[in-house]
Each structure stands twice: as C-alpha cells, then as structure tokens.
C-alpha cells in the first residue's frame, strides 16, 4: 500500500468491527501525519493483517510474531492511551 495515498490508508483503517475502529481510526486521525515513513509503511502492513489477528493484538490477547508489527501495535496502544478517549 502506498504510504502517500492517505485516502487509501484511511479506507483500510475502517474495519467494520467497533473495537478495531475505536483503536485504529483515532490513531490514524491523530497520529498518522506525525509518523516517520518507515512507521507509515509498518502501519500499512499492519492494516493488511486479518481482523481476528488485529483484534487479538490490539486487545492484548496476543502479539504479532513480527517485531516491526509488534512495535506498531505497541505504538498504537501507547499513543491512544496517552491521548485518552476520542469520538470516532
């Protein structure tokens, strides 16, 4: 996925599962533009994962075997927690 195609990445963030939307969409809306290009690439890679895996990782029921994906999951969780609840 092209990291410069923000509308495509935005579309990929919409998962159709409320829990995932509540984790991924605020991160995208508030943090994506501040990410390095490498972090944007890893975030785009994360969005290519299956919803059950994303759910498990973002809800702390497991973690990705790939250390780069784990780092992005941790970044999403950390930044979302620091920012606090936001409306979708």
PDB file of N, CA and C in Angstrom:
ATOM      1  N   UNK A   1       0.855  -1.167   0.000  1.00  0.00           N
ATOM      2  CA  UNK A   1       0.000   0.000   0.000  1.00  0.00           C
ATOM      3  C   UNK A   1       0.905   1.235   0.000  1.00  0.00           C
ATOM      4  N   UNK A   2       0.607   2.177  -0.851  1.00  0.00           N
ATOM      5  CA  UNK A   2       1.386   3.407  -0.972  1.00  0.00           C
ATOM      6  C   UNK A   2       1.136   4.295   0.245  1.00  0.00           C
ATOM      7  N   UNK A   3       2.193   4.594   0.999  1.00  0.00           N
ATOM      8  CA  UNK A   3       2.028   5.397   2.216  1.00  0.00           C
ATOM      9  C   UNK A   3       1.653   6.845   1.912  1.00  0.00           C
ATOM     10  N   UNK A   4       1.811   7.266   0.665  1.00  0.00           N
ATOM     11  CA  UNK A   4       1.437   8.632   0.291  1.00  0.00           C
ATOM     12  C   UNK A   4      -0.025   8.742  -0.145  1.00  0.00           C
ATOM     13  N   UNK A   5      -0.694   7.616  -0.289  1.00  0.00           N
ATOM     14  CA  UNK A   5      -2.107   7.605  -0.650  1.00  0.00           C
ATOM     15  C   UNK A   5      -2.930   7.543   0.641  1.00  0.00           C
ATOM     16  N   UNK A   6      -3.063   8.696   1.267  1.00  0.00           N
ATOM     17  CA  UNK A   6      -3.697   8.761   2.582  1.00  0.00           C
ATOM     18  C   UNK A   6      -5.161   8.321   2.541  1.00  0.00           C
ATOM     19  N   UNK A   7      -5.851   8.619   1.467  1.00  0.00           N
ATOM     20  CA  UNK A   7      -7.259   8.207   1.392  1.00  0.00           C
ATOM     21  C   UNK A   7      -7.376   6.682   1.338  1.00  0.00           C
ATOM     22  N   UNK A   8      -6.458   6.009   0.690  1.00  0.00           N
ATOM     23  CA  UNK A   8      -6.462   4.535   0.630  1.00  0.00           C
ATOM     24  C   UNK A   8      -6.172   3.950   2.013  1.00  0.00           C
ATOM     25  N   UNK A   9      -5.233   4.538   2.708  1.00  0.00           N
ATOM     26  CA  UNK A   9      -4.907   4.068   4.048  1.00  0.00           C
ATOM     27  C   UNK A   9      -6.086   4.317   4.982  1.00  0.00           C
ATOM     28  N   UNK A  10      -6.712   5.474   4.856  1.00  0.00           N
ATOM     29  CA  UNK A  10      -7.898   5.784   5.661  1.00  0.00           C
ATOM     30  C   UNK A  10      -8.987   4.742   5.428  1.00  0.00           C
ATOM     31  N   UNK A  11      -9.206   4.396   4.175  1.00  0.00           N
ATOM     32  CA  UNK A  11     -10.213   3.387   3.837  1.00  0.00           C
ATOM     33  C   UNK A  11      -9.852   2.043   4.474  1.00  0.00           C
ATOM     34  N   UNK A  12      -8.582   1.683   4.442  1.00  0.00           N
ATOM     35  CA  UNK A  12      -8.141   0.403   5.012  1.00  0.00           C
ATOM     36  C   UNK A  12      -8.259   0.376   6.532  1.00  0.00           C
ATOM     37  N   UNK A  13      -8.276   1.555   7.162  1.00  0.00           N
ATOM     38  CA  UNK A  13      -8.428   1.626   8.622  1.00  0.00           C
ATOM     39  C   UNK A  13      -9.824   1.228   9.067  1.00  0.00           C
ATOM     40  N   UNK A  14     -10.795   1.427   8.220  1.00  0.00           N
ATOM     41  CA  UNK A  14     -12.188   1.120   8.579  1.00  0.00           C
ATOM     42  C   UNK A  14     -12.389  -0.382   8.497  1.00  0.00           C
ATOM     43  N   UNK A  15     -12.559  -1.016   9.642  1.00  0.00           N
ATOM     44  CA  UNK A  15     -12.587  -2.466   9.699  1.00  0.00           C
ATOM     45  C   UNK A  15     -13.985  -3.047   9.803  1.00  0.00           C
ATOM     46  N   UNK A  16     -14.943  -2.301  10.292  1.00  0.00           N
ATOM     47  CA  UNK A  16     -16.292  -2.836  10.446  1.00  0.00           C
ATOM     48  C   UNK A  16     -16.507  -3.550  11.765  1.00  0.00           C
ATOM     49  N   UNK A  17     -15.493  -3.573  12.599  1.00  0.00           N
ATOM     50  CA  UNK A  17     -15.609  -4.130  13.952  1.00  0.00           C
ATOM     51  C   UNK A  17     -15.365  -2.958  14.893  1.00  0.00           C
ATOM     52  N   UNK A  18     -16.337  -2.662  15.713  1.00  0.00           N
ATOM     53  CA  UNK A  18     -16.286  -1.460  16.544  1.00  0.00           C
ATOM     54  C   UNK A  18     -14.992  -1.353  17.352  1.00  0.00           C
ATOM     55  N   UNK A  19     -14.566  -2.451  17.961  1.00  0.00           N
ATOM     56  CA  UNK A  19     -13.358  -2.422  18.791  1.00  0.00           C
ATOM     57  C   UNK A  19     -12.130  -2.043  17.970  1.00  0.00           C
ATOM     58  N   UNK A  20     -12.047  -2.558  16.756  1.00  0.00           N
ATOM     59  CA  UNK A  20     -10.909  -2.212  15.904  1.00  0.00           C
ATOM     60  C   UNK A  20     -11.007  -0.771  15.432  1.00  0.00           C
ATOM     61  N   UNK A  21     -12.192  -0.358  15.040  1.00  0.00           N
ATOM     62  CA  UNK A  21     -12.363   1.036  14.611  1.00  0.00           C
ATOM     63  C   UNK A  21     -12.003   2.002  15.729  1.00  0.00           C
ATOM     64  N   UNK A  22     -12.342   1.646  16.973  1.00  0.00           N
ATOM     65  CA  UNK A  22     -12.054   2.521  18.109  1.00  0.00           C
ATOM     66  C   UNK A  22     -10.560   2.595  18.416  1.00  0.00           C
ATOM     67  N   UNK A  23      -9.797   1.605  18.007  1.00  0.00           N
ATOM     68  CA  UNK A  23      -8.349   1.609  18.225  1.00  0.00           C
ATOM     69  C   UNK A  23      -7.607   2.212  17.042  1.00  0.00           C
ATOM     70  N   UNK A  24      -8.013   1.845  15.838  1.00  0.00           N
ATOM     71  CA  UNK A  24      -7.244   2.215  14.654  1.00  0.00           C
ATOM     72  C   UNK A  24      -7.580   3.612  14.138  1.00  0.00           C
ATOM     73  N   UNK A  25      -8.862   3.957  14.066  1.00  0.00           N
ATOM     74  CA  UNK A  25      -9.250   5.243  13.461  1.00  0.00           C
ATOM     75  C   UNK A  25      -8.705   6.460  14.215  1.00  0.00           C
ATOM     76  N   UNK A  26      -8.827   6.519  15.548  1.00  0.00           N
ATOM     77  CA  UNK A  26      -8.251   7.681  16.237  1.00  0.00           C
ATOM     78  C   UNK A  26      -6.740   7.780  16.047  1.00  0.00           C
ATOM     79  N   UNK A  27      -6.060   6.628  16.062  1.00  0.00           N
ATOM     80  CA  UNK A  27      -4.614   6.646  15.824  1.00  0.00           C
ATOM     81  C   UNK A  27      -4.328   7.228  14.448  1.00  0.00           C
ATOM     82  N   UNK A  28      -5.042   6.769  13.439  1.00  0.00           N
ATOM     83  CA  UNK A  28      -4.840   7.290  12.087  1.00  0.00           C
ATOM     84  C   UNK A  28      -5.136   8.790  12.045  1.00  0.00           C
ATOM     85  N   UNK A  29      -6.266   9.184  12.582  1.00  0.00           N
ATOM     86  CA  UNK A  29      -6.682  10.593  12.502  1.00  0.00           C
ATOM     87  C   UNK A  29      -5.754  11.542  13.243  1.00  0.00           C
ATOM     88  N   UNK A  30      -5.201  11.106  14.363  1.00  0.00           N
ATOM     89  CA  UNK A  30      -4.405  11.998  15.205  1.00  0.00           C
ATOM     90  C   UNK A  30      -2.901  11.805  15.078  1.00  0.00           C
ATOM     91  N   UNK A  31      -2.458  10.664  14.621  1.00  0.00           N
ATOM     92  CA  UNK A  31      -1.026  10.350  14.669  1.00  0.00           C
ATOM     93  C   UNK A  31      -0.366  10.086  13.317  1.00  0.00           C
ATOM     94  N   UNK A  32      -1.120   9.675  12.320  1.00  0.00           N
ATOM     95  CA  UNK A  32      -0.519   9.211  11.071  1.00  0.00           C
ATOM     96  C   UNK A  32       0.440  10.233  10.466  1.00  0.00           C
ATOM     97  N   UNK A  33       0.029  11.484  10.414  1.00  0.00           N
ATOM     98  CA  UNK A  33       0.866  12.508   9.776  1.00  0.00           C
ATOM     99  C   UNK A  33       2.178  12.742  10.507  1.00  0.00           C
ATOM    100  N   UNK A  34       2.255  12.376  11.777  1.00  0.00           N
ATOM    101  CA  UNK A  34       3.486  12.597  12.554  1.00  0.00           C
ATOM    102  C   UNK A  34       4.447  11.408  12.475  1.00  0.00           C
ATOM    103  N   UNK A  35       4.008  10.302  11.893  1.00  0.00           N
ATOM    104  CA  UNK A  35       4.841   9.107  11.807  1.00  0.00           C
ATOM    105  C   UNK A  35       5.959   9.273  10.791  1.00  0.00           C
ATOM    106  N   UNK A  36       7.061   8.578  11.042  1.00  0.00           N
ATOM    107  CA  UNK A  36       8.131   8.505  10.040  1.00  0.00           C
ATOM    108  C   UNK A  36       7.623   7.676   8.860  1.00  0.00           C
ATOM    109  N   UNK A  37       8.295   7.787   7.728  1.00  0.00           N
ATOM    110  CA  UNK A  37       7.891   6.984   6.567  1.00  0.00           C
ATOM    111  C   UNK A  37       7.961   5.493   6.875  1.00  0.00           C
ATOM    112  N   UNK A  38       8.962   5.077   7.637  1.00  0.00           N
ATOM    113  CA  UNK A  38       9.070   3.656   7.996  1.00  0.00           C
ATOM    114  C   UNK A  38       7.902   3.234   8.864  1.00  0.00           C
ATOM    115  N   UNK A  39       7.520   4.060   9.836  1.00  0.00           N
ATOM    116  CA  UNK A  39       6.361   3.726  10.666  1.00  0.00           C
ATOM    117  C   UNK A  39       5.075   3.714   9.845  1.00  0.00           C
ATOM    118  N   UNK A  40       4.964   4.605   8.884  1.00  0.00           N
ATOM    119  CA  UNK A  40       3.792   4.588   7.997  1.00  0.00           C
ATOM    120  C   UNK A  40       3.745   3.286   7.205  1.00  0.00           C
ATOM    121  N   UNK A  41       4.901   2.822   6.727  1.00  0.00           N
ATOM    122  CA  UNK A  41       4.952   1.553   5.990  1.00  0.00           C
ATOM    123  C   UNK A  41       4.529   0.389   6.881  1.00  0.00           C
ATOM    124  N   UNK A  42       5.012   0.378   8.106  1.00  0.00           N
ATOM    125  CA  UNK A  42       4.653  -0.700   9.023  1.00  0.00           C
ATOM    126  C   UNK A  42       3.175  -0.628   9.413  1.00  0.00           C
ATOM    127  N   UNK A  43       2.641   0.572   9.569  1.00  0.00           N
ATOM    128  CA  UNK A  43       1.222   0.728   9.854  1.00  0.00           C
ATOM    129  C   UNK A  43       0.399   0.193   8.685  1.00  0.00           C
ATOM    130  N   UNK A  44       0.808   0.509   7.463  1.00  0.00           N
ATOM    131  CA  UNK A  44       0.114  -0.003   6.273  1.00  0.00           C
ATOM    132  C   UNK A  44       0.197  -1.527   6.223  1.00  0.00           C
ATOM    133  N   UNK A  45       1.345  -2.089   6.582  1.00  0.00           N
ATOM    134  CA  UNK A  45       1.484  -3.552   6.656  1.00  0.00           C
ATOM    135  C   UNK A  45       0.531  -4.129   7.684  1.00  0.00           C
ATOM    136  N   UNK A  46       0.415  -3.458   8.824  1.00  0.00           N
ATOM    137  CA  UNK A  46      -0.484  -3.925   9.871  1.00  0.00           C
ATOM    138  C   UNK A  46      -1.919  -3.979   9.365  1.00  0.00           C
ATOM    139  N   UNK A  47      -2.303  -2.985   8.581  1.00  0.00           N
ATOM    140  CA  UNK A  47      -3.672  -2.930   8.062  1.00  0.00           C
ATOM    141  C   UNK A  47      -3.976  -4.060   7.084  1.00  0.00           C
ATOM    142  N   UNK A  48      -2.953  -4.712   6.571  1.00  0.00           N
ATOM    143  CA  UNK A  48      -3.142  -5.838   5.664  1.00  0.00           C
ATOM    144  C   UNK A  48      -3.393  -7.151   6.419  1.00  0.00           C
ATOM    145  N   UNK A  49      -3.268  -7.123   7.733  1.00  0.00           N
ATOM    146  CA  UNK A  49      -3.495  -8.321   8.548  1.00  0.00           C
ATOM    147  C   UNK A  49      -4.990  -8.576   8.710  1.00  0.00           C
ATOM    148  N   UNK A  50      -5.317  -9.805   9.040  1.00  0.00           N
ATOM    149  CA  UNK A  50      -6.708 -10.206   9.235  1.00  0.00           C
ATOM    150  C   UNK A  50      -7.281  -9.589  10.505  1.00  0.00           C
ATOM    151  N   UNK A  51      -8.574  -9.289  10.461  1.00  0.00           N
ATOM    152  CA  UNK A  51      -9.247  -8.674  11.605  1.00  0.00           C
ATOM    153  C   UNK A  51      -9.102  -9.481  12.894  1.00  0.00           C
ATOM    154  N   UNK A  52      -9.258 -10.808  12.878  1.00  0.00           N
ATOM    155  CA  UNK A  52      -9.095 -11.537  14.146  1.00  0.00           C
ATOM    156  C   UNK A  52      -7.703 -11.345  14.765  1.00  0.00           C
ATOM    157  N   UNK A  53      -6.678 -11.312  13.921  1.00  0.00           N
ATOM    158  CA  UNK A  53      -5.324 -11.069  14.438  1.00  0.00           C
ATOM    159  C   UNK A  53      -5.217  -9.660  15.008  1.00  0.00           C
ATOM    160  N   UNK A  54      -5.688  -8.669  14.262  1.00  0.00           N
ATOM    161  CA  UNK A  54      -5.650  -7.286  14.753  1.00  0.00           C
ATOM    162  C   UNK A  54      -6.385  -7.160  16.079  1.00  0.00           C
ATOM    163  N   UNK A  55      -7.554  -7.755  16.164  1.00  0.00           N
ATOM    164  CA  UNK A  55      -8.331  -7.698  17.398  1.00  0.00           C
ATOM    165  C   UNK A  55      -7.523  -8.277  18.561  1.00  0.00           C
ATOM    166  N   UNK A  56      -6.977  -9.466  18.370  1.00  0.00           N
ATOM    167  CA  UNK A  56      -6.204 -10.105  19.437  1.00  0.00           C
ATOM    168  C   UNK A  56      -5.014  -9.250  19.861  1.00  0.00           C
ATOM    169  N   UNK A  57      -4.301  -8.714  18.898  1.00  0.00           N
ATOM    170  CA  UNK A  57      -3.116  -7.915  19.211  1.00  0.00           C
ATOM    171  C   UNK A  57      -3.483  -6.604  19.914  1.00  0.00           C
ATOM    172  N   UNK A  58      -4.475  -5.900  19.398  1.00  0.00           N
ATOM    173  CA  UNK A  58      -4.833  -4.592  19.954  1.00  0.00           C
ATOM    174  C   UNK A  58      -5.564  -4.705  21.294  1.00  0.00           C
ATOM    175  N   UNK A  59      -6.168  -5.858  21.557  1.00  0.00           N
ATOM    176  CA  UNK A  59      -6.857  -6.072  22.836  1.00  0.00           C
ATOM    177  C   UNK A  59      -5.982  -6.854  23.819  1.00  0.00           C
ATOM    178  N   UNK A  60      -4.707  -7.016  23.479  1.00  0.00           N
ATOM    179  CA  UNK A  60      -3.721  -7.692  24.340  1.00  0.00           C
ATOM    180  C   UNK A  60      -4.030  -9.152  24.614  1.00  0.00           C
ATOM    181  N   UNK A  61      -4.588  -9.846  23.610  1.00  0.00           N
ATOM    182  CA  UNK A  61      -4.805 -11.288  23.721  1.00  0.00           C
ATOM    183  C   UNK A  61      -3.689 -12.066  23.039  1.00  0.00           C
ATOM    184  N   UNK A  62      -2.696 -11.375  22.577  1.00  0.00           N
ATOM    185  CA  UNK A  62      -1.561 -11.969  21.889  1.00  0.00           C
ATOM    186  C   UNK A  62      -0.737 -10.854  21.294  1.00  0.00           C
ATOM    187  N   UNK A  63       0.291 -11.219  20.563  1.00  0.00           N
ATOM    188  CA  UNK A  63       1.117 -10.212  19.905  1.00  0.00           C
ATOM    189  C   UNK A  63       1.654 -10.771  18.597  1.00  0.00           C
ATOM    190  N   UNK A  64       1.934  -9.880  17.667  1.00  0.00           N
ATOM    191  CA  UNK A  64       2.476 -10.342  16.383  1.00  0.00           C
ATOM    192  C   UNK A  64       3.853 -10.975  16.567  1.00  0.00           C
ATOM    193  N   UNK A  65       4.132 -11.991  15.788  1.00  0.00           N
ATOM    194  CA  UNK A  65       5.459 -12.607  15.811  1.00  0.00           C
ATOM    195  C   UNK A  65       6.497 -11.673  15.184  1.00  0.00           C
ATOM    196  N   UNK A  66       6.064 -10.856  14.237  1.00  0.00           N
ATOM    197  CA  UNK A  66       6.949  -9.909  13.558  1.00  0.00           C
ATOM    198  C   UNK A  66       7.243  -8.744  14.500  1.00  0.00           C
ATOM    199  N   UNK A  67       8.519  -8.510  14.836  1.00  0.00           N
ATOM    200  CA  UNK A  67       8.843  -7.439  15.788  1.00  0.00           C
ATOM    201  C   UNK A  67       8.451  -6.037  15.311  1.00  0.00           C
ATOM    202  N   UNK A  68       8.466  -5.789  14.011  1.00  0.00           N
ATOM    203  CA  UNK A  68       8.067  -4.471  13.499  1.00  0.00           C
ATOM    204  C   UNK A  68       6.566  -4.248  13.661  1.00  0.00           C
ATOM    205  N   UNK A  69       5.779  -5.283  13.413  1.00  0.00           N
ATOM    206  CA  UNK A  69       4.335  -5.161  13.622  1.00  0.00           C
ATOM    207  C   UNK A  69       4.023  -5.023  15.111  1.00  0.00           C
ATOM    208  N   UNK A  70       4.763  -5.743  15.952  1.00  0.00           N
ATOM    209  CA  UNK A  70       4.574  -5.612  17.399  1.00  0.00           C
ATOM    210  C   UNK A  70       4.860  -4.178  17.835  1.00  0.00           C
ATOM    211  N   UNK A  71       5.902  -3.588  17.286  1.00  0.00           N
ATOM    212  CA  UNK A  71       6.263  -2.210  17.632  1.00  0.00           C
ATOM    213  C   UNK A  71       5.138  -1.242  17.260  1.00  0.00           C
ATOM    214  N   UNK A  72       4.513  -1.454  16.107  1.00  0.00           N
ATOM    215  CA  UNK A  72       3.420  -0.574  15.681  1.00  0.00           C
ATOM    216  C   UNK A  72       2.188  -0.791  16.561  1.00  0.00           C
ATOM    217  N   UNK A  73       1.885  -2.038  16.894  1.00  0.00           N
ATOM    218  CA  UNK A  73       0.769  -2.308  17.804  1.00  0.00           C
ATOM    219  C   UNK A  73       1.015  -1.601  19.135  1.00  0.00           C
ATOM    220  N   UNK A  74       2.238  -1.721  19.656  1.00  0.00           N
ATOM    221  CA  UNK A  74       2.580  -1.048  20.913  1.00  0.00           C
ATOM    222  C   UNK A  74       2.453   0.468  20.780  1.00  0.00           C
ATOM    223  N   UNK A  75       2.869   1.009  19.644  1.00  0.00           N
ATOM    224  CA  UNK A  75       2.768   2.450  19.406  1.00  0.00           C
ATOM    225  C   UNK A  75       1.308   2.900  19.382  1.00  0.00           C
ATOM    226  N   UNK A  76       0.460   2.135  18.717  1.00  0.00           N
ATOM    227  CA  UNK A  76      -0.972   2.462  18.676  1.00  0.00           C
ATOM    228  C   UNK A  76      -1.537   2.470  20.087  1.00  0.00           C
ATOM    229  N   UNK A  77      -1.252   1.430  20.841  1.00  0.00           N
ATOM    230  CA  UNK A  77      -1.781   1.340  22.202  1.00  0.00           C
ATOM    231  C   UNK A  77      -1.266   2.476  23.086  1.00  0.00           C
ATOM    232  N   UNK A  78       0.014   2.771  22.992  1.00  0.00           N
ATOM    233  CA  UNK A  78       0.622   3.812  23.822  1.00  0.00           C
ATOM    234  C   UNK A  78       0.057   5.189  23.485  1.00  0.00           C
ATOM    235  N   UNK A  79       0.005   5.508  22.212  1.00  0.00           N
ATOM    236  CA  UNK A  79      -0.475   6.838  21.819  1.00  0.00           C
ATOM    237  C   UNK A  79      -1.967   6.992  22.074  1.00  0.00           C
ATOM    238  N   UNK A  80      -2.745   5.941  21.859  1.00  0.00           N
ATOM    239  CA  UNK A  80      -4.181   6.019  22.154  1.00  0.00           C
ATOM    240  C   UNK A  80      -4.413   6.218  23.649  1.00  0.00           C
ATOM    241  N   UNK A  81      -3.648   5.508  24.456  1.00  0.00           N
ATOM    242  CA  UNK A  81      -3.791   5.637  25.909  1.00  0.00           C
ATOM    243  C   UNK A  81      -3.405   7.045  26.366  1.00  0.00           C
ATOM    244  N   UNK A  82      -2.316   7.578  25.831  1.00  0.00           N
ATOM    245  CA  UNK A  82      -1.861   8.913  26.208  1.00  0.00           C
ATOM    246  C   UNK A  82      -2.859  10.002  25.799  1.00  0.00           C
ATOM    247  N   UNK A  83      -3.492   9.800  24.654  1.00  0.00           N
ATOM    248  CA  UNK A  83      -4.427  10.789  24.138  1.00  0.00           C
ATOM    249  C   UNK A  83      -5.767  10.722  24.864  1.00  0.00           C
ATOM    250  N   UNK A  84      -6.139   9.548  25.346  1.00  0.00           N
ATOM    251  CA  UNK A  84      -7.410   9.367  26.032  1.00  0.00           C
ATOM    252  C   UNK A  84      -8.524   9.121  25.038  1.00  0.00           C
ATOM    253  N   UNK A  85      -9.729   8.927  25.553  1.00  0.00           N
ATOM    254  CA  UNK A  85     -10.864   8.605  24.675  1.00  0.00           C
ATOM    255  C   UNK A  85     -11.200   9.770  23.733  1.00  0.00           C
ATOM    256  N   UNK A  86     -11.500   9.403  22.505  1.00  0.00           N
ATOM    257  CA  UNK A  86     -11.926  10.373  21.492  1.00  0.00           C
ATOM    258  C   UNK A  86     -13.116   9.813  20.753  1.00  0.00           C
ATOM    259  N   UNK A  87     -13.915  10.694  20.218  1.00  0.00           N
ATOM    260  CA  UNK A  87     -15.065  10.258  19.420  1.00  0.00           C
ATOM    261  C   UNK A  87     -14.582   9.814  18.051  1.00  0.00           C
ATOM    262  N   UNK A  88     -15.238   8.795  17.521  1.00  0.00           N
ATOM    263  CA  UNK A  88     -14.882   8.329  16.166  1.00  0.00           C
ATOM    264  C   UNK A  88     -15.377   9.276  15.122  1.00  0.00           C
TER     265      UNK A  88
END
